């Protein structure tokens, strides 16, 4: 029949933690895409996502460290981002 089943890690959703909301995998992928593809500044990304300016900065930094360490970003891999193995630089 040619049926192939593929299992991967489940995509992590954002969670409310009292006063703040965590960043889910989809939002992380969106931050990287907005920064790399559209060339938006941290401030513009933060405004689009209704987050603080520190949020995009910390996720871009975390993404680049993961790519440097492992050759890919596990968060981006879970959402099948084309930037999973690329540094988020402009």
PDB file of N, CA and C in Angstrom:
ATOM      1  N   UNK A   1       0.807  -1.192   0.000  1.00  0.00           N
ATOM      2  CA  UNK A   1       0.000   0.000   0.000  1.00  0.00           C
ATOM      3  C   UNK A   1       0.856   1.264   0.000  1.00  0.00           C
ATOM      4  N   UNK A   2       2.043   1.209   0.509  1.00  0.00           N
ATOM      5  CA  UNK A   2       2.918   2.365   0.512  1.00  0.00           C
ATOM      6  C   UNK A   2       2.581   3.412   1.565  1.00  0.00           C
ATOM      7  N   UNK A   3       1.911   3.031   2.627  1.00  0.00           N
ATOM      8  CA  UNK A   3       1.559   3.986   3.683  1.00  0.00           C
ATOM      9  C   UNK A   3       2.734   4.099   4.644  1.00  0.00           C
ATOM     10  N   UNK A   4       3.132   5.337   4.893  1.00  0.00           N
ATOM     11  CA  UNK A   4       4.238   5.580   5.805  1.00  0.00           C
ATOM     12  C   UNK A   4       3.741   6.498   6.918  1.00  0.00           C
ATOM     13  N   UNK A   5       3.852   6.050   8.142  1.00  0.00           N
ATOM     14  CA  UNK A   5       3.441   6.858   9.287  1.00  0.00           C
ATOM     15  C   UNK A   5       4.665   7.530   9.874  1.00  0.00           C
ATOM     16  N   UNK A   6       4.548   8.826  10.088  1.00  0.00           N
ATOM     17  CA  UNK A   6       5.654   9.589  10.634  1.00  0.00           C
ATOM     18  C   UNK A   6       5.222  10.220  11.946  1.00  0.00           C
ATOM     19  N   UNK A   7       6.018  10.048  12.966  1.00  0.00           N
ATOM     20  CA  UNK A   7       5.717  10.645  14.264  1.00  0.00           C
ATOM     21  C   UNK A   7       6.769  11.693  14.574  1.00  0.00           C
ATOM     22  N   UNK A   8       6.340  12.778  15.138  1.00  0.00           N
ATOM     23  CA  UNK A   8       7.255  13.827  15.533  1.00  0.00           C
ATOM     24  C   UNK A   8       6.809  14.368  16.876  1.00  0.00           C
ATOM     25  N   UNK A   9       7.580  15.287  17.373  1.00  0.00           N
ATOM     26  CA  UNK A   9       7.203  15.908  18.637  1.00  0.00           C
ATOM     27  C   UNK A   9       5.960  16.755  18.440  1.00  0.00           C
ATOM     28  N   UNK A  10       5.065  16.752  19.409  1.00  0.00           N
ATOM     29  CA  UNK A  10       3.869  17.600  19.283  1.00  0.00           C
ATOM     30  C   UNK A  10       4.230  19.072  19.390  1.00  0.00           C
ATOM     31  N   UNK A  11       3.488  19.890  18.668  1.00  0.00           N
ATOM     32  CA  UNK A  11       3.699  21.343  18.700  1.00  0.00           C
ATOM     33  C   UNK A  11       3.234  21.866  20.050  1.00  0.00           C
ATOM     34  N   UNK A  12       4.078  22.670  20.681  1.00  0.00           N
ATOM     35  CA  UNK A  12       3.741  23.233  21.996  1.00  0.00           C
ATOM     36  C   UNK A  12       2.949  24.517  21.812  1.00  0.00           C
ATOM     37  N   UNK A  13       1.847  24.590  22.515  1.00  0.00           N
ATOM     38  CA  UNK A  13       0.972  25.763  22.467  1.00  0.00           C
ATOM     39  C   UNK A  13       1.389  26.772  23.531  1.00  0.00           C
ATOM     40  N   UNK A  14       1.053  28.045  23.310  1.00  0.00           N
ATOM     41  CA  UNK A  14       1.282  29.073  24.317  1.00  0.00           C
ATOM     42  C   UNK A  14       0.393  28.786  25.516  1.00  0.00           C
ATOM     43  N   UNK A  15       0.901  29.109  26.717  1.00  0.00           N
ATOM     44  CA  UNK A  15       0.135  28.874  27.938  1.00  0.00           C
ATOM     45  C   UNK A  15       0.085  30.146  28.762  1.00  0.00           C
ATOM     46  N   UNK A  16      -1.049  30.361  29.402  1.00  0.00           N
ATOM     47  CA  UNK A  16      -1.169  31.490  30.329  1.00  0.00           C
ATOM     48  C   UNK A  16      -0.575  31.084  31.660  1.00  0.00           C
ATOM     49  N   UNK A  17       0.315  31.917  32.156  1.00  0.00           N
ATOM     50  CA  UNK A  17       0.984  31.660  33.434  1.00  0.00           C
ATOM     51  C   UNK A  17       0.762  32.852  34.368  1.00  0.00           C
ATOM     52  N   UNK A  18      -0.451  33.033  34.789  1.00  0.00           N
ATOM     53  CA  UNK A  18      -0.753  34.144  35.689  1.00  0.00           C
ATOM     54  C   UNK A  18      -0.724  35.470  34.971  1.00  0.00           C
ATOM     55  N   UNK A  19       0.337  36.223  35.168  1.00  0.00           N
ATOM     56  CA  UNK A  19       0.433  37.575  34.605  1.00  0.00           C
ATOM     57  C   UNK A  19       0.946  37.606  33.168  1.00  0.00           C
ATOM     58  N   UNK A  20       1.461  36.504  32.668  1.00  0.00           N
ATOM     59  CA  UNK A  20       2.003  36.517  31.315  1.00  0.00           C
ATOM     60  C   UNK A  20       1.626  35.251  30.564  1.00  0.00           C
ATOM     61  N   UNK A  21       1.850  35.275  29.261  1.00  0.00           N
ATOM     62  CA  UNK A  21       1.560  34.145  28.382  1.00  0.00           C
ATOM     63  C   UNK A  21       2.870  33.693  27.746  1.00  0.00           C
ATOM     64  N   UNK A  22       3.124  32.392  27.787  1.00  0.00           N
ATOM     65  CA  UNK A  22       4.344  31.874  27.170  1.00  0.00           C
ATOM     66  C   UNK A  22       4.223  31.960  25.646  1.00  0.00           C
ATOM     67  N   UNK A  23       5.337  31.837  24.977  1.00  0.00           N
ATOM     68  CA  UNK A  23       5.356  31.852  23.514  1.00  0.00           C
ATOM     69  C   UNK A  23       5.311  30.411  23.034  1.00  0.00           C
ATOM     70  N   UNK A  24       4.334  30.096  22.216  1.00  0.00           N
ATOM     71  CA  UNK A  24       4.211  28.752  21.656  1.00  0.00           C
ATOM     72  C   UNK A  24       5.123  28.577  20.452  1.00  0.00           C
ATOM     73  N   UNK A  25       5.190  27.354  19.963  1.00  0.00           N
ATOM     74  CA  UNK A  25       6.056  27.035  18.828  1.00  0.00           C
ATOM     75  C   UNK A  25       5.678  27.805  17.564  1.00  0.00           C
ATOM     76  N   UNK A  26       4.381  27.912  17.304  1.00  0.00           N
ATOM     77  CA  UNK A  26       3.929  28.613  16.095  1.00  0.00           C
ATOM     78  C   UNK A  26       4.336  30.080  16.151  1.00  0.00           C
ATOM     79  N   UNK A  27       4.187  30.692  17.320  1.00  0.00           N
ATOM     80  CA  UNK A  27       4.559  32.098  17.465  1.00  0.00           C
ATOM     81  C   UNK A  27       6.073  32.278  17.341  1.00  0.00           C
ATOM     82  N   UNK A  28       6.848  31.344  17.871  1.00  0.00           N
ATOM     83  CA  UNK A  28       8.309  31.394  17.726  1.00  0.00           C
ATOM     84  C   UNK A  28       8.692  31.358  16.245  1.00  0.00           C
ATOM     85  N   UNK A  29       8.084  30.430  15.515  1.00  0.00           N
ATOM     86  CA  UNK A  29       8.346  30.342  14.074  1.00  0.00           C
ATOM     87  C   UNK A  29       7.980  31.618  13.349  1.00  0.00           C
ATOM     88  N   UNK A  30       6.898  32.232  13.775  1.00  0.00           N
ATOM     89  CA  UNK A  30       6.458  33.492  13.163  1.00  0.00           C
ATOM     90  C   UNK A  30       7.452  34.617  13.461  1.00  0.00           C
ATOM     91  N   UNK A  31       7.972  34.656  14.682  1.00  0.00           N
ATOM     92  CA  UNK A  31       8.976  35.668  15.047  1.00  0.00           C
ATOM     93  C   UNK A  31      10.185  35.550  14.128  1.00  0.00           C
ATOM     94  N   UNK A  32      10.688  34.338  13.949  1.00  0.00           N
ATOM     95  CA  UNK A  32      11.870  34.115  13.101  1.00  0.00           C
ATOM     96  C   UNK A  32      11.559  34.508  11.656  1.00  0.00           C
ATOM     97  N   UNK A  33      10.405  34.113  11.154  1.00  0.00           N
ATOM     98  CA  UNK A  33      10.023  34.450   9.774  1.00  0.00           C
ATOM     99  C   UNK A  33       9.907  35.952   9.576  1.00  0.00           C
ATOM    100  N   UNK A  34       9.253  36.647  10.491  1.00  0.00           N
ATOM    101  CA  UNK A  34       9.094  38.104  10.372  1.00  0.00           C
ATOM    102  C   UNK A  34      10.450  38.809  10.389  1.00  0.00           C
ATOM    103  N   UNK A  35      11.354  38.295  11.193  1.00  0.00           N
ATOM    104  CA  UNK A  35      12.678  38.909  11.303  1.00  0.00           C
ATOM    105  C   UNK A  35      13.521  38.659  10.054  1.00  0.00           C
ATOM    106  N   UNK A  36      13.535  37.423   9.579  1.00  0.00           N
ATOM    107  CA  UNK A  36      14.387  37.059   8.446  1.00  0.00           C
ATOM    108  C   UNK A  36      13.774  37.466   7.112  1.00  0.00           C
ATOM    109  N   UNK A  37      12.540  37.028   6.866  1.00  0.00           N
ATOM    110  CA  UNK A  37      11.893  37.255   5.572  1.00  0.00           C
ATOM    111  C   UNK A  37      11.469  38.695   5.359  1.00  0.00           C
ATOM    112  N   UNK A  38      10.781  39.243   6.339  1.00  0.00           N
ATOM    113  CA  UNK A  38      10.214  40.575   6.164  1.00  0.00           C
ATOM    114  C   UNK A  38      11.124  41.682   6.681  1.00  0.00           C
ATOM    115  N   UNK A  39      12.176  41.314   7.392  1.00  0.00           N
ATOM    116  CA  UNK A  39      13.148  42.293   7.869  1.00  0.00           C
ATOM    117  C   UNK A  39      12.594  43.261   8.897  1.00  0.00           C
ATOM    118  N   UNK A  40      11.588  42.832   9.647  1.00  0.00           N
ATOM    119  CA  UNK A  40      10.989  43.718  10.640  1.00  0.00           C
ATOM    120  C   UNK A  40      11.904  43.879  11.843  1.00  0.00           C
ATOM    121  N   UNK A  41      11.817  45.037  12.472  1.00  0.00           N
ATOM    122  CA  UNK A  41      12.594  45.292  13.680  1.00  0.00           C
ATOM    123  C   UNK A  41      11.958  44.580  14.862  1.00  0.00           C
ATOM    124  N   UNK A  42      12.686  44.494  15.956  1.00  0.00           N
ATOM    125  CA  UNK A  42      12.156  43.861  17.170  1.00  0.00           C
ATOM    126  C   UNK A  42      10.882  44.577  17.621  1.00  0.00           C
ATOM    127  N   UNK A  43      10.907  45.897  17.525  1.00  0.00           N
ATOM    128  CA  UNK A  43       9.758  46.702  17.952  1.00  0.00           C
ATOM    129  C   UNK A  43       8.522  46.403  17.104  1.00  0.00           C
ATOM    130  N   UNK A  44       8.698  46.318  15.794  1.00  0.00           N
ATOM    131  CA  UNK A  44       7.564  46.040  14.901  1.00  0.00           C
ATOM    132  C   UNK A  44       7.025  44.620  15.095  1.00  0.00           C
ATOM    133  N   UNK A  45       7.918  43.670  15.314  1.00  0.00           N
ATOM    134  CA  UNK A  45       7.488  42.295  15.578  1.00  0.00           C
ATOM    135  C   UNK A  45       6.700  42.263  16.889  1.00  0.00           C
ATOM    136  N   UNK A  46       7.223  42.917  17.905  1.00  0.00           N
ATOM    137  CA  UNK A  46       6.561  42.946  19.208  1.00  0.00           C
ATOM    138  C   UNK A  46       5.168  43.567  19.108  1.00  0.00           C
ATOM    139  N   UNK A  47       5.047  44.630  18.348  1.00  0.00           N
ATOM    140  CA  UNK A  47       3.732  45.269  18.184  1.00  0.00           C
ATOM    141  C   UNK A  47       2.759  44.353  17.448  1.00  0.00           C
ATOM    142  N   UNK A  48       3.228  43.664  16.409  1.00  0.00           N
ATOM    143  CA  UNK A  48       2.357  42.748  15.658  1.00  0.00           C
ATOM    144  C   UNK A  48       1.853  41.612  16.536  1.00  0.00           C
ATOM    145  N   UNK A  49       2.708  41.116  17.410  1.00  0.00           N
ATOM    146  CA  UNK A  49       2.358  39.975  18.253  1.00  0.00           C
ATOM    147  C   UNK A  49       1.782  40.396  19.598  1.00  0.00           C
ATOM    148  N   UNK A  50       1.730  41.705  19.832  1.00  0.00           N
ATOM    149  CA  UNK A  50       1.271  42.256  21.108  1.00  0.00           C
ATOM    150  C   UNK A  50       2.085  41.695  22.272  1.00  0.00           C
ATOM    151  N   UNK A  51       3.384  41.828  22.132  1.00  0.00           N
ATOM    152  CA  UNK A  51       4.347  41.350  23.122  1.00  0.00           C
ATOM    153  C   UNK A  51       5.310  42.475  23.469  1.00  0.00           C
ATOM    154  N   UNK A  52       6.148  42.237  24.469  1.00  0.00           N
ATOM    155  CA  UNK A  52       7.190  43.205  24.790  1.00  0.00           C
ATOM    156  C   UNK A  52       8.298  43.089  23.750  1.00  0.00           C
ATOM    157  N   UNK A  53       9.135  44.106  23.637  1.00  0.00           N
ATOM    158  CA  UNK A  53      10.224  44.067  22.655  1.00  0.00           C
ATOM    159  C   UNK A  53      11.281  43.036  23.038  1.00  0.00           C
ATOM    160  N   UNK A  54      11.310  42.641  24.290  1.00  0.00           N
ATOM    161  CA  UNK A  54      12.284  41.636  24.730  1.00  0.00           C
ATOM    162  C   UNK A  54      11.943  40.242  24.182  1.00  0.00           C
ATOM    163  N   UNK A  55      10.666  39.975  23.942  1.00  0.00           N
ATOM    164  CA  UNK A  55      10.236  38.652  23.480  1.00  0.00           C
ATOM    165  C   UNK A  55      10.873  38.257  22.152  1.00  0.00           C
ATOM    166  N   UNK A  56      10.747  39.078  21.084  1.00  0.00           N
ATOM    167  CA  UNK A  56      11.402  38.672  19.824  1.00  0.00           C
ATOM    168  C   UNK A  56      12.915  38.562  19.974  1.00  0.00           C
ATOM    169  N   UNK A  57      13.499  39.473  20.717  1.00  0.00           N
ATOM    170  CA  UNK A  57      14.950  39.459  20.906  1.00  0.00           C
ATOM    171  C   UNK A  57      15.400  38.149  21.549  1.00  0.00           C
ATOM    172  N   UNK A  58      14.731  37.720  22.609  1.00  0.00           N
ATOM    173  CA  UNK A  58      15.147  36.497  23.300  1.00  0.00           C
ATOM    174  C   UNK A  58      14.897  35.255  22.441  1.00  0.00           C
ATOM    175  N   UNK A  59      13.839  35.249  21.634  1.00  0.00           N
ATOM    176  CA  UNK A  59      13.574  34.080  20.793  1.00  0.00           C
ATOM    177  C   UNK A  59      14.526  33.994  19.606  1.00  0.00           C
ATOM    178  N   UNK A  60      14.901  35.113  19.057  1.00  0.00           N
ATOM    179  CA  UNK A  60      15.896  35.117  17.969  1.00  0.00           C
ATOM    180  C   UNK A  60      17.240  34.639  18.502  1.00  0.00           C
ATOM    181  N   UNK A  61      17.594  35.123  19.685  1.00  0.00           N
ATOM    182  CA  UNK A  61      18.849  34.718  20.308  1.00  0.00           C
ATOM    183  C   UNK A  61      18.832  33.217  20.626  1.00  0.00           C
ATOM    184  N   UNK A  62      17.717  32.728  21.172  1.00  0.00           N
ATOM    185  CA  UNK A  62      17.574  31.311  21.501  1.00  0.00           C
ATOM    186  C   UNK A  62      17.628  30.440  20.239  1.00  0.00           C
ATOM    187  N   UNK A  63      16.992  30.909  19.175  1.00  0.00           N
ATOM    188  CA  UNK A  63      16.996  30.200  17.894  1.00  0.00           C
ATOM    189  C   UNK A  63      18.429  30.055  17.381  1.00  0.00           C
ATOM    190  N   UNK A  64      19.161  31.155  17.351  1.00  0.00           N
ATOM    191  CA  UNK A  64      20.535  31.134  16.834  1.00  0.00           C
ATOM    192  C   UNK A  64      21.450  30.240  17.664  1.00  0.00           C
ATOM    193  N   UNK A  65      21.268  30.246  18.994  1.00  0.00           N
ATOM    194  CA  UNK A  65      22.086  29.374  19.848  1.00  0.00           C
ATOM    195  C   UNK A  65      21.789  27.905  19.567  1.00  0.00           C
ATOM    196  N   UNK A  66      20.518  27.578  19.356  1.00  0.00           N
ATOM    197  CA  UNK A  66      20.147  26.190  19.056  1.00  0.00           C
ATOM    198  C   UNK A  66      20.739  25.742  17.725  1.00  0.00           C
ATOM    199  N   UNK A  67      20.694  26.610  16.717  1.00  0.00           N
ATOM    200  CA  UNK A  67      21.261  26.281  15.399  1.00  0.00           C
ATOM    201  C   UNK A  67      22.775  26.102  15.510  1.00  0.00           C
ATOM    202  N   UNK A  68      23.411  26.951  16.286  1.00  0.00           N
ATOM    203  CA  UNK A  68      24.862  26.857  16.473  1.00  0.00           C
ATOM    204  C   UNK A  68      25.235  25.561  17.203  1.00  0.00           C
ATOM    205  N   UNK A  69      24.465  25.217  18.214  1.00  0.00           N
ATOM    206  CA  UNK A  69      24.758  24.054  19.043  1.00  0.00           C
ATOM    207  C   UNK A  69      24.421  22.733  18.337  1.00  0.00           C
ATOM    208  N   UNK A  70      23.216  22.648  17.772  1.00  0.00           N
ATOM    209  CA  UNK A  70      22.729  21.369  17.243  1.00  0.00           C
ATOM    210  C   UNK A  70      22.613  21.305  15.727  1.00  0.00           C
ATOM    211  N   UNK A  71      22.711  22.442  15.077  1.00  0.00           N
ATOM    212  CA  UNK A  71      22.538  22.470  13.631  1.00  0.00           C
ATOM    213  C   UNK A  71      21.094  22.713  13.216  1.00  0.00           C
ATOM    214  N   UNK A  72      20.193  22.806  14.205  1.00  0.00           N
ATOM    215  CA  UNK A  72      18.788  23.104  13.923  1.00  0.00           C
ATOM    216  C   UNK A  72      18.117  23.631  15.192  1.00  0.00           C
ATOM    217  N   UNK A  73      16.998  24.287  15.009  1.00  0.00           N
ATOM    218  CA  UNK A  73      16.190  24.791  16.126  1.00  0.00           C
ATOM    219  C   UNK A  73      15.037  23.810  16.322  1.00  0.00           C
ATOM    220  N   UNK A  74      14.979  23.137  17.473  1.00  0.00           N
ATOM    221  CA  UNK A  74      13.910  22.152  17.685  1.00  0.00           C
ATOM    222  C   UNK A  74      12.512  22.760  17.639  1.00  0.00           C
ATOM    223  N   UNK A  75      12.373  23.997  18.080  1.00  0.00           N
ATOM    224  CA  UNK A  75      11.069  24.663  18.038  1.00  0.00           C
ATOM    225  C   UNK A  75      10.629  24.863  16.598  1.00  0.00           C
ATOM    226  N   UNK A  76      11.513  25.345  15.760  1.00  0.00           N
ATOM    227  CA  UNK A  76      11.194  25.543  14.344  1.00  0.00           C
ATOM    228  C   UNK A  76      10.948  24.201  13.648  1.00  0.00           C
ATOM    229  N   UNK A  77      11.673  23.179  14.062  1.00  0.00           N
ATOM    230  CA  UNK A  77      11.484  21.861  13.460  1.00  0.00           C
ATOM    231  C   UNK A  77      10.084  21.329  13.754  1.00  0.00           C
ATOM    232  N   UNK A  78       9.589  21.560  14.968  1.00  0.00           N
ATOM    233  CA  UNK A  78       8.252  21.079  15.324  1.00  0.00           C
ATOM    234  C   UNK A  78       7.168  21.722  14.461  1.00  0.00           C
ATOM    235  N   UNK A  79       7.380  22.984  14.047  1.00  0.00           N
ATOM    236  CA  UNK A  79       6.375  23.655  13.205  1.00  0.00           C
ATOM    237  C   UNK A  79       6.758  23.602  11.728  1.00  0.00           C
ATOM    238  N   UNK A  80       7.786  22.821  11.411  1.00  0.00           N
ATOM    239  CA  UNK A  80       8.241  22.620  10.029  1.00  0.00           C
ATOM    240  C   UNK A  80       8.591  23.932   9.321  1.00  0.00           C
ATOM    241  N   UNK A  81       9.313  24.793  10.047  1.00  0.00           N
ATOM    242  CA  UNK A  81       9.755  26.070   9.493  1.00  0.00           C
ATOM    243  C   UNK A  81      10.933  25.848   8.552  1.00  0.00           C
ATOM    244  N   UNK A  82      10.954  26.595   7.475  1.00  0.00           N
ATOM    245  CA  UNK A  82      12.082  26.462   6.534  1.00  0.00           C
ATOM    246  C   UNK A  82      13.364  27.056   7.115  1.00  0.00           C
ATOM    247  N   UNK A  83      13.264  27.745   8.249  1.00  0.00           N
ATOM    248  CA  UNK A  83      14.436  28.343   8.892  1.00  0.00           C
ATOM    249  C   UNK A  83      14.983  27.497  10.036  1.00  0.00           C
ATOM    250  N   UNK A  84      14.555  26.243  10.127  1.00  0.00           N
ATOM    251  CA  UNK A  84      14.955  25.407  11.249  1.00  0.00           C
ATOM    252  C   UNK A  84      16.473  25.233  11.364  1.00  0.00           C
ATOM    253  N   UNK A  85      17.189  25.277  10.248  1.00  0.00           N
ATOM    254  CA  UNK A  85      18.640  25.090  10.316  1.00  0.00           C
ATOM    255  C   UNK A  85      19.404  26.325   9.828  1.00  0.00           C
ATOM    256  N   UNK A  86      18.736  27.457   9.810  1.00  0.00           N
ATOM    257  CA  UNK A  86      19.375  28.711   9.384  1.00  0.00           C
ATOM    258  C   UNK A  86      19.439  29.687  10.540  1.00  0.00           C
ATOM    259  N   UNK A  87      20.525  30.442  10.583  1.00  0.00           N
ATOM    260  CA  UNK A  87      20.654  31.495  11.585  1.00  0.00           C
ATOM    261  C   UNK A  87      19.675  32.620  11.237  1.00  0.00           C
ATOM    262  N   UNK A  88      19.084  33.206  12.259  1.00  0.00           N
ATOM    263  CA  UNK A  88      18.161  34.334  12.068  1.00  0.00           C
ATOM    264  C   UNK A  88      18.977  35.615  12.034  1.00  0.00           C
ATOM    265  N   UNK A  89      19.477  35.925  10.844  1.00  0.00           N
ATOM    266  CA  UNK A  89      20.250  37.149  10.635  1.00  0.00           C
ATOM    267  C   UNK A  89      19.716  37.836   9.388  1.00  0.00           C
ATOM    268  N   UNK A  90      20.008  39.109   9.304  1.00  0.00           N
ATOM    269  CA  UNK A  90      19.572  39.842   8.108  1.00  0.00           C
ATOM    270  C   UNK A  90      20.771  40.298   7.332  1.00  0.00           C
TER     271      UNK A  90
END
